[in-house]
Every structure is written in C-alpha cells, then in structure tokens.
C-alpha cells in the first residue's frame, strides 16, 4: 500500500480475483481508498474472470491476456502491452 501511495508501482498484474479481494481488504483495513491509490496504475488481468472481479471494485483494466490458459500467455500479453507504451 505504501508503494502505491508513493507512486512506485507502474503496473499490478492480477492472476486471480482472490488477489484483488485480498488487496482491497488490506486497503480498507489501512483506512485508505482505492480510488486515489489506483489513479496512475496500469491494471493487467490474467483472464476474463479476473477482469470481472477488478471491475467489480471499480478498477480500470488496461489489458487481459487472450491466452489465459497458461502463465506464458499472460506474460506475453504484458510484454506486448509494455512494448507499445511511451
């Protein structure tokens, strides 16, 4: 949470809805709000279920792996995304 507050994180890559829920619970327990913490953060999701969970919390998902049957597919999607960012 401190790294998010200090703008030290460019991207969060979620592989499951449980990861998102755990992070959001930690943010709530710290007395913070997700809105301000995620303004400048790129959100990547392993697949459509994870994206759906992220959107449930109001997160703006920038990318979802089209091949979410394997971790390599997610890594490739992130690599392609980063390659075309300024």
PDB file of N, CA and C in Angstrom:
ATOM      1  N   UNK A   1       0.835  -1.188   0.000  1.00  0.00           N
ATOM      2  CA  UNK A   1       0.000   0.000   0.000  1.00  0.00           C
ATOM      3  C   UNK A   1       0.877   1.248   0.000  1.00  0.00           C
ATOM      4  N   UNK A   2       1.961   1.203   0.755  1.00  0.00           N
ATOM      5  CA  UNK A   2       2.880   2.347   0.773  1.00  0.00           C
ATOM      6  C   UNK A   2       3.487   2.566  -0.604  1.00  0.00           C
ATOM      7  N   UNK A   3       3.822   1.505  -1.307  1.00  0.00           N
ATOM      8  CA  UNK A   3       4.389   1.638  -2.655  1.00  0.00           C
ATOM      9  C   UNK A   3       3.376   2.260  -3.608  1.00  0.00           C
ATOM     10  N   UNK A   4       2.108   1.915  -3.446  1.00  0.00           N
ATOM     11  CA  UNK A   4       1.063   2.543  -4.266  1.00  0.00           C
ATOM     12  C   UNK A   4       0.952   4.024  -3.944  1.00  0.00           C
ATOM     13  N   UNK A   5       0.969   4.352  -2.662  1.00  0.00           N
ATOM     14  CA  UNK A   5       0.860   5.750  -2.242  1.00  0.00           C
ATOM     15  C   UNK A   5       2.036   6.586  -2.731  1.00  0.00           C
ATOM     16  N   UNK A   6       3.204   5.988  -2.817  1.00  0.00           N
ATOM     17  CA  UNK A   6       4.411   6.709  -3.205  1.00  0.00           C
ATOM     18  C   UNK A   6       4.701   6.622  -4.698  1.00  0.00           C
ATOM     19  N   UNK A   7       3.731   6.165  -5.470  1.00  0.00           N
ATOM     20  CA  UNK A   7       3.864   6.058  -6.934  1.00  0.00           C
ATOM     21  C   UNK A   7       5.084   5.246  -7.356  1.00  0.00           C
ATOM     22  N   UNK A   8       5.360   4.172  -6.655  1.00  0.00           N
ATOM     23  CA  UNK A   8       6.487   3.310  -7.004  1.00  0.00           C
ATOM     24  C   UNK A   8       6.051   2.092  -7.805  1.00  0.00           C
ATOM     25  N   UNK A   9       4.778   2.003  -8.124  1.00  0.00           N
ATOM     26  CA  UNK A   9       4.266   0.866  -8.878  1.00  0.00           C
ATOM     27  C   UNK A   9       3.656   1.376 -10.177  1.00  0.00           C
ATOM     28  N   UNK A  10       4.090   0.800 -11.283  1.00  0.00           N
ATOM     29  CA  UNK A  10       3.551   1.165 -12.593  1.00  0.00           C
ATOM     30  C   UNK A  10       2.384   0.267 -12.966  1.00  0.00           C
ATOM     31  N   UNK A  11       2.508  -1.031 -12.664  1.00  0.00           N
ATOM     32  CA  UNK A  11       1.502  -1.992 -13.080  1.00  0.00           C
ATOM     33  C   UNK A  11       1.255  -3.013 -11.970  1.00  0.00           C
ATOM     34  N   UNK A  12      -0.014  -3.393 -11.834  1.00  0.00           N
ATOM     35  CA  UNK A  12      -0.376  -4.524 -10.995  1.00  0.00           C
ATOM     36  C   UNK A  12      -0.907  -5.605 -11.926  1.00  0.00           C
ATOM     37  N   UNK A  13      -0.337  -6.802 -11.824  1.00  0.00           N
ATOM     38  CA  UNK A  13      -0.750  -7.927 -12.649  1.00  0.00           C
ATOM     39  C   UNK A  13      -1.449  -8.943 -11.755  1.00  0.00           C
ATOM     40  N   UNK A  14      -2.738  -9.066 -11.929  1.00  0.00           N
ATOM     41  CA  UNK A  14      -3.538  -9.973 -11.108  1.00  0.00           C
ATOM     42  C   UNK A  14      -3.790 -11.278 -11.847  1.00  0.00           C
ATOM     43  N   UNK A  15      -3.580 -12.384 -11.142  1.00  0.00           N
ATOM     44  CA  UNK A  15      -3.851 -13.691 -11.735  1.00  0.00           C
ATOM     45  C   UNK A  15      -5.128 -14.323 -11.207  1.00  0.00           C
ATOM     46  N   UNK A  16      -5.741 -13.699 -10.217  1.00  0.00           N
ATOM     47  CA  UNK A  16      -6.985 -14.252  -9.674  1.00  0.00           C
ATOM     48  C   UNK A  16      -7.811 -13.161  -8.997  1.00  0.00           C
ATOM     49  N   UNK A  17      -9.086 -13.414  -8.912  1.00  0.00           N
ATOM     50  CA  UNK A  17      -9.967 -12.498  -8.200  1.00  0.00           C
ATOM     51  C   UNK A  17      -9.634 -12.445  -6.718  1.00  0.00           C
ATOM     52  N   UNK A  18      -9.154 -13.568  -6.176  1.00  0.00           N
ATOM     53  CA  UNK A  18      -8.784 -13.611  -4.765  1.00  0.00           C
ATOM     54  C   UNK A  18      -7.668 -12.635  -4.430  1.00  0.00           C
ATOM     55  N   UNK A  19      -6.722 -12.457  -5.347  1.00  0.00           N
ATOM     56  CA  UNK A  19      -5.647 -11.488  -5.138  1.00  0.00           C
ATOM     57  C   UNK A  19      -6.208 -10.078  -5.040  1.00  0.00           C
ATOM     58  N   UNK A  20      -7.149  -9.775  -5.907  1.00  0.00           N
ATOM     59  CA  UNK A  20      -7.773  -8.444  -5.900  1.00  0.00           C
ATOM     60  C   UNK A  20      -8.527  -8.229  -4.604  1.00  0.00           C
ATOM     61  N   UNK A  21      -9.309  -9.221  -4.208  1.00  0.00           N
ATOM     62  CA  UNK A  21     -10.089  -9.101  -2.975  1.00  0.00           C
ATOM     63  C   UNK A  21      -9.187  -8.938  -1.756  1.00  0.00           C
ATOM     64  N   UNK A  22      -8.068  -9.659  -1.714  1.00  0.00           N
ATOM     65  CA  UNK A  22      -7.145  -9.535  -0.586  1.00  0.00           C
ATOM     66  C   UNK A  22      -6.514  -8.147  -0.548  1.00  0.00           C
ATOM     67  N   UNK A  23      -6.117  -7.620  -1.697  1.00  0.00           N
ATOM     68  CA  UNK A  23      -5.541  -6.277  -1.739  1.00  0.00           C
ATOM     69  C   UNK A  23      -6.565  -5.236  -1.304  1.00  0.00           C
ATOM     70  N   UNK A  24      -7.769  -5.357  -1.785  1.00  0.00           N
ATOM     71  CA  UNK A  24      -8.813  -4.394  -1.413  1.00  0.00           C
ATOM     72  C   UNK A  24      -9.124  -4.466   0.078  1.00  0.00           C
ATOM     73  N   UNK A  25      -9.113  -5.662   0.635  1.00  0.00           N
ATOM     74  CA  UNK A  25      -9.333  -5.801   2.085  1.00  0.00           C
ATOM     75  C   UNK A  25      -8.205  -5.121   2.853  1.00  0.00           C
ATOM     76  N   UNK A  26      -6.976  -5.283   2.397  1.00  0.00           N
ATOM     77  CA  UNK A  26      -5.839  -4.626   3.043  1.00  0.00           C
ATOM     78  C   UNK A  26      -5.924  -3.113   2.963  1.00  0.00           C
ATOM     79  N   UNK A  27      -6.365  -2.622   1.825  1.00  0.00           N
ATOM     80  CA  UNK A  27      -6.532  -1.174   1.653  1.00  0.00           C
ATOM     81  C   UNK A  27      -7.592  -0.645   2.613  1.00  0.00           C
ATOM     82  N   UNK A  28      -8.708  -1.369   2.713  1.00  0.00           N
ATOM     83  CA  UNK A  28      -9.767  -0.949   3.655  1.00  0.00           C
ATOM     84  C   UNK A  28      -9.259  -0.982   5.093  1.00  0.00           C
ATOM     85  N   UNK A  29      -8.534  -2.045   5.460  1.00  0.00           N
ATOM     86  CA  UNK A  29      -8.018  -2.166   6.827  1.00  0.00           C
ATOM     87  C   UNK A  29      -7.023  -1.058   7.153  1.00  0.00           C
ATOM     88  N   UNK A  30      -6.334  -0.568   6.149  1.00  0.00           N
ATOM     89  CA  UNK A  30      -5.375   0.524   6.354  1.00  0.00           C
ATOM     90  C   UNK A  30      -6.069   1.882   6.385  1.00  0.00           C
ATOM     91  N   UNK A  31      -7.380   1.892   6.182  1.00  0.00           N
ATOM     92  CA  UNK A  31      -8.128   3.145   6.206  1.00  0.00           C
ATOM     93  C   UNK A  31      -7.943   3.982   4.954  1.00  0.00           C
ATOM     94  N   UNK A  32      -7.555   3.340   3.867  1.00  0.00           N
ATOM     95  CA  UNK A  32      -7.315   4.037   2.599  1.00  0.00           C
ATOM     96  C   UNK A  32      -8.477   3.788   1.641  1.00  0.00           C
ATOM     97  N   UNK A  33      -8.478   4.552   0.546  1.00  0.00           N
ATOM     98  CA  UNK A  33      -9.459   4.320  -0.502  1.00  0.00           C
ATOM     99  C   UNK A  33      -8.733   3.936  -1.791  1.00  0.00           C
ATOM    100  N   UNK A  34      -9.302   3.020  -2.515  1.00  0.00           N
ATOM    101  CA  UNK A  34      -8.682   2.525  -3.738  1.00  0.00           C
ATOM    102  C   UNK A  34      -8.647   3.583  -4.827  1.00  0.00           C
ATOM    103  N   UNK A  35      -9.624   4.469  -4.847  1.00  0.00           N
ATOM    104  CA  UNK A  35      -9.701   5.482  -5.906  1.00  0.00           C
ATOM    105  C   UNK A  35      -8.392   6.249  -6.058  1.00  0.00           C
ATOM    106  N   UNK A  36      -7.888   6.760  -4.980  1.00  0.00           N
ATOM    107  CA  UNK A  36      -6.670   7.568  -5.061  1.00  0.00           C
ATOM    108  C   UNK A  36      -5.432   6.714  -5.300  1.00  0.00           C
ATOM    109  N   UNK A  37      -5.424   5.485  -4.829  1.00  0.00           N
ATOM    110  CA  UNK A  37      -4.245   4.634  -4.961  1.00  0.00           C
ATOM    111  C   UNK A  37      -4.033   4.108  -6.376  1.00  0.00           C
ATOM    112  N   UNK A  38      -5.107   3.964  -7.147  1.00  0.00           N
ATOM    113  CA  UNK A  38      -5.009   3.329  -8.457  1.00  0.00           C
ATOM    114  C   UNK A  38      -5.087   4.308  -9.624  1.00  0.00           C
ATOM    115  N   UNK A  39      -5.035   5.599  -9.362  1.00  0.00           N
ATOM    116  CA  UNK A  39      -5.151   6.599 -10.434  1.00  0.00           C
ATOM    117  C   UNK A  39      -4.115   6.418 -11.534  1.00  0.00           C
ATOM    118  N   UNK A  40      -2.876   6.183 -11.181  1.00  0.00           N
ATOM    119  CA  UNK A  40      -1.775   6.111 -12.146  1.00  0.00           C
ATOM    120  C   UNK A  40      -1.295   4.688 -12.401  1.00  0.00           C
ATOM    121  N   UNK A  41      -2.027   3.691 -11.956  1.00  0.00           N
ATOM    122  CA  UNK A  41      -1.598   2.304 -12.032  1.00  0.00           C
ATOM    123  C   UNK A  41      -2.254   1.602 -13.219  1.00  0.00           C
ATOM    124  N   UNK A  42      -1.457   0.894 -13.997  1.00  0.00           N
ATOM    125  CA  UNK A  42      -1.969   0.048 -15.066  1.00  0.00           C
ATOM    126  C   UNK A  42      -2.374  -1.290 -14.456  1.00  0.00           C
ATOM    127  N   UNK A  43      -3.578  -1.734 -14.771  1.00  0.00           N
ATOM    128  CA  UNK A  43      -4.084  -3.000 -14.240  1.00  0.00           C
ATOM    129  C   UNK A  43      -4.096  -4.040 -15.356  1.00  0.00           C
ATOM    130  N   UNK A  44      -3.435  -5.170 -15.097  1.00  0.00           N
ATOM    131  CA  UNK A  44      -3.416  -6.296 -16.026  1.00  0.00           C
ATOM    132  C   UNK A  44      -4.117  -7.480 -15.348  1.00  0.00           C
ATOM    133  N   UNK A  45      -4.913  -8.200 -16.122  1.00  0.00           N
ATOM    134  CA  UNK A  45      -5.636  -9.348 -15.581  1.00  0.00           C
ATOM    135  C   UNK A  45      -5.361 -10.592 -16.413  1.00  0.00           C
ATOM    136  N   UNK A  46      -5.230 -11.708 -15.734  1.00  0.00           N
ATOM    137  CA  UNK A  46      -4.908 -12.987 -16.350  1.00  0.00           C
ATOM    138  C   UNK A  46      -5.982 -13.438 -17.335  1.00  0.00           C
ATOM    139  N   UNK A  47      -7.224 -13.208 -16.991  1.00  0.00           N
ATOM    140  CA  UNK A  47      -8.320 -13.645 -17.851  1.00  0.00           C
ATOM    141  C   UNK A  47      -9.593 -12.888 -17.550  1.00  0.00           C
ATOM    142  N   UNK A  48     -10.682 -13.264 -18.201  1.00  0.00           N
ATOM    143  CA  UNK A  48     -11.936 -12.519 -18.064  1.00  0.00           C
ATOM    144  C   UNK A  48     -12.549 -12.578 -16.665  1.00  0.00           C
ATOM    145  N   UNK A  49     -12.400 -13.679 -15.947  1.00  0.00           N
ATOM    146  CA  UNK A  49     -12.942 -13.743 -14.589  1.00  0.00           C
ATOM    147  C   UNK A  49     -12.225 -12.744 -13.687  1.00  0.00           C
ATOM    148  N   UNK A  50     -10.908 -12.683 -13.808  1.00  0.00           N
ATOM    149  CA  UNK A  50     -10.130 -11.743 -13.001  1.00  0.00           C
ATOM    150  C   UNK A  50     -10.502 -10.316 -13.364  1.00  0.00           C
ATOM    151  N   UNK A  51     -10.688 -10.055 -14.655  1.00  0.00           N
ATOM    152  CA  UNK A  51     -11.117  -8.720 -15.097  1.00  0.00           C
ATOM    153  C   UNK A  51     -12.467  -8.356 -14.485  1.00  0.00           C
ATOM    154  N   UNK A  52     -13.386  -9.294 -14.480  1.00  0.00           N
ATOM    155  CA  UNK A  52     -14.707  -9.043 -13.912  1.00  0.00           C
ATOM    156  C   UNK A  52     -14.607  -8.676 -12.432  1.00  0.00           C
ATOM    157  N   UNK A  53     -13.751  -9.358 -11.711  1.00  0.00           N
ATOM    158  CA  UNK A  53     -13.559  -9.051 -10.286  1.00  0.00           C
ATOM    159  C   UNK A  53     -12.946  -7.665 -10.126  1.00  0.00           C
ATOM    160  N   UNK A  54     -11.964  -7.323 -10.947  1.00  0.00           N
ATOM    161  CA  UNK A  54     -11.328  -5.999 -10.874  1.00  0.00           C
ATOM    162  C   UNK A  54     -12.359  -4.904 -11.136  1.00  0.00           C
ATOM    163  N   UNK A  55     -13.178  -5.107 -12.125  1.00  0.00           N
ATOM    164  CA  UNK A  55     -14.190  -4.095 -12.464  1.00  0.00           C
ATOM    165  C   UNK A  55     -15.241  -3.969 -11.367  1.00  0.00           C
ATOM    166  N   UNK A  56     -15.490  -5.050 -10.658  1.00  0.00           N
ATOM    167  CA  UNK A  56     -16.417  -5.009  -9.522  1.00  0.00           C
ATOM    168  C   UNK A  56     -15.940  -3.995  -8.477  1.00  0.00           C
ATOM    169  N   UNK A  57     -14.627  -3.849  -8.371  1.00  0.00           N
ATOM    170  CA  UNK A  57     -14.039  -2.894  -7.426  1.00  0.00           C
ATOM    171  C   UNK A  57     -13.749  -1.549  -8.072  1.00  0.00           C
ATOM    172  N   UNK A  58     -14.183  -1.363  -9.296  1.00  0.00           N
ATOM    173  CA  UNK A  58     -14.016  -0.079  -9.965  1.00  0.00           C
ATOM    174  C   UNK A  58     -12.640   0.139 -10.567  1.00  0.00           C
ATOM    175  N   UNK A  59     -11.860  -0.923 -10.715  1.00  0.00           N
ATOM    176  CA  UNK A  59     -10.534  -0.787 -11.297  1.00  0.00           C
ATOM    177  C   UNK A  59     -10.638  -0.730 -12.815  1.00  0.00           C
ATOM    178  N   UNK A  60      -9.838   0.126 -13.414  1.00  0.00           N
ATOM    179  CA  UNK A  60      -9.819   0.280 -14.864  1.00  0.00           C
ATOM    180  C   UNK A  60      -8.781  -0.692 -15.435  1.00  0.00           C
ATOM    181  N   UNK A  61      -9.249  -1.759 -16.037  1.00  0.00           N
ATOM    182  CA  UNK A  61      -8.368  -2.810 -16.548  1.00  0.00           C
ATOM    183  C   UNK A  61      -7.826  -2.403 -17.920  1.00  0.00           C
ATOM    184  N   UNK A  62      -6.511  -2.365 -18.042  1.00  0.00           N
ATOM    185  CA  UNK A  62      -5.866  -1.963 -19.288  1.00  0.00           C
ATOM    186  C   UNK A  62      -5.644  -3.146 -20.229  1.00  0.00           C
ATOM    187  N   UNK A  63      -5.425  -4.334 -19.670  1.00  0.00           N
ATOM    188  CA  UNK A  63      -5.196  -5.483 -20.537  1.00  0.00           C
ATOM    189  C   UNK A  63      -5.620  -6.781 -19.881  1.00  0.00           C
ATOM    190  N   UNK A  64      -6.056  -7.692 -20.737  1.00  0.00           N
ATOM    191  CA  UNK A  64      -6.436  -9.041 -20.335  1.00  0.00           C
ATOM    192  C   UNK A  64      -5.770  -9.985 -21.331  1.00  0.00           C
ATOM    193  N   UNK A  65      -5.135 -11.025 -20.831  1.00  0.00           N
ATOM    194  CA  UNK A  65      -4.486 -11.975 -21.719  1.00  0.00           C
ATOM    195  C   UNK A  65      -5.530 -12.690 -22.572  1.00  0.00           C
ATOM    196  N   UNK A  66      -5.256 -12.785 -23.867  1.00  0.00           N
ATOM    197  CA  UNK A  66      -6.172 -13.537 -24.726  1.00  0.00           C
ATOM    198  C   UNK A  66      -5.931 -15.034 -24.556  1.00  0.00           C
ATOM    199  N   UNK A  67      -4.702 -15.415 -24.212  1.00  0.00           N
ATOM    200  CA  UNK A  67      -4.382 -16.807 -23.906  1.00  0.00           C
ATOM    201  C   UNK A  67      -4.194 -16.912 -22.399  1.00  0.00           C
ATOM    202  N   UNK A  68      -5.301 -17.173 -21.711  1.00  0.00           N
ATOM    203  CA  UNK A  68      -5.235 -17.240 -20.249  1.00  0.00           C
ATOM    204  C   UNK A  68      -5.231 -18.692 -19.758  1.00  0.00           C
ATOM    205  N   UNK A  69      -4.841 -19.597 -20.629  1.00  0.00           N
ATOM    206  CA  UNK A  69      -4.741 -20.999 -20.240  1.00  0.00           C
ATOM    207  C   UNK A  69      -3.361 -21.327 -19.662  1.00  0.00           C
ATOM    208  N   UNK A  70      -2.424 -20.381 -19.788  1.00  0.00           N
ATOM    209  CA  UNK A  70      -1.068 -20.623 -19.290  1.00  0.00           C
ATOM    210  C   UNK A  70      -0.437 -19.302 -18.861  1.00  0.00           C
ATOM    211  N   UNK A  71       0.491 -19.380 -17.933  1.00  0.00           N
ATOM    212  CA  UNK A  71       1.157 -18.176 -17.423  1.00  0.00           C
ATOM    213  C   UNK A  71       1.942 -17.473 -18.520  1.00  0.00           C
ATOM    214  N   UNK A  72       2.522 -18.227 -19.439  1.00  0.00           N
ATOM    215  CA  UNK A  72       3.275 -17.615 -20.533  1.00  0.00           C
ATOM    216  C   UNK A  72       2.404 -16.687 -21.371  1.00  0.00           C
ATOM    217  N   UNK A  73       1.139 -17.042 -21.543  1.00  0.00           N
ATOM    218  CA  UNK A  73       0.223 -16.193 -22.302  1.00  0.00           C
ATOM    219  C   UNK A  73       0.025 -14.846 -21.627  1.00  0.00           C
ATOM    220  N   UNK A  74      -0.045 -14.860 -20.316  1.00  0.00           N
ATOM    221  CA  UNK A  74      -0.200 -13.622 -19.554  1.00  0.00           C
ATOM    222  C   UNK A  74       1.071 -12.787 -19.657  1.00  0.00           C
ATOM    223  N   UNK A  75       2.214 -13.436 -19.502  1.00  0.00           N
ATOM    224  CA  UNK A  75       3.492 -12.723 -19.603  1.00  0.00           C
ATOM    225  C   UNK A  75       3.660 -12.110 -20.999  1.00  0.00           C
ATOM    226  N   UNK A  76       3.276 -12.824 -22.021  1.00  0.00           N
ATOM    227  CA  UNK A  76       3.375 -12.304 -23.386  1.00  0.00           C
ATOM    228  C   UNK A  76       2.461 -11.098 -23.587  1.00  0.00           C
ATOM    229  N   UNK A  77       1.256 -11.154 -23.023  1.00  0.00           N
ATOM    230  CA  UNK A  77       0.322 -10.024 -23.140  1.00  0.00           C
ATOM    231  C   UNK A  77       0.889  -8.782 -22.451  1.00  0.00           C
ATOM    232  N   UNK A  78       1.480  -8.965 -21.297  1.00  0.00           N
ATOM    233  CA  UNK A  78       2.090  -7.843 -20.581  1.00  0.00           C
ATOM    234  C   UNK A  78       3.266  -7.294 -21.386  1.00  0.00           C
ATOM    235  N   UNK A  79       4.097  -8.167 -21.911  1.00  0.00           N
ATOM    236  CA  UNK A  79       5.246  -7.740 -22.702  1.00  0.00           C
ATOM    237  C   UNK A  79       4.813  -6.936 -23.926  1.00  0.00           C
ATOM    238  N   UNK A  80       3.791  -7.412 -24.639  1.00  0.00           N
ATOM    239  CA  UNK A  80       3.281  -6.683 -25.807  1.00  0.00           C
ATOM    240  C   UNK A  80       2.752  -5.315 -25.393  1.00  0.00           C
ATOM    241  N   UNK A  81       2.031  -5.265 -24.296  1.00  0.00           N
ATOM    242  CA  UNK A  81       1.477  -4.004 -23.809  1.00  0.00           C
ATOM    243  C   UNK A  81       2.597  -3.010 -23.503  1.00  0.00           C
ATOM    244  N   UNK A  82       3.586  -3.445 -22.762  1.00  0.00           N
ATOM    245  CA  UNK A  82       4.676  -2.566 -22.355  1.00  0.00           C
ATOM    246  C   UNK A  82       5.523  -2.112 -23.545  1.00  0.00           C
ATOM    247  N   UNK A  83       5.638  -2.955 -24.540  1.00  0.00           N
ATOM    248  CA  UNK A  83       6.435  -2.627 -25.714  1.00  0.00           C
ATOM    249  C   UNK A  83       5.883  -1.394 -26.443  1.00  0.00           C
ATOM    250  N   UNK A  84       4.580  -1.213 -26.381  1.00  0.00           N
ATOM    251  CA  UNK A  84       3.959  -0.119 -27.130  1.00  0.00           C
ATOM    252  C   UNK A  84       3.560   1.070 -26.258  1.00  0.00           C
ATOM    253  N   UNK A  85       4.070   1.115 -25.031  1.00  0.00           N
ATOM    254  CA  UNK A  85       3.813   2.250 -24.144  1.00  0.00           C
ATOM    255  C   UNK A  85       4.943   3.269 -24.279  1.00  0.00           C
ATOM    256  N   UNK A  86       4.602   4.557 -24.251  1.00  0.00           N
ATOM    257  CA  UNK A  86       5.653   5.584 -24.351  1.00  0.00           C
ATOM    258  C   UNK A  86       6.564   5.611 -23.129  1.00  0.00           C
TER     259      UNK A  86
END
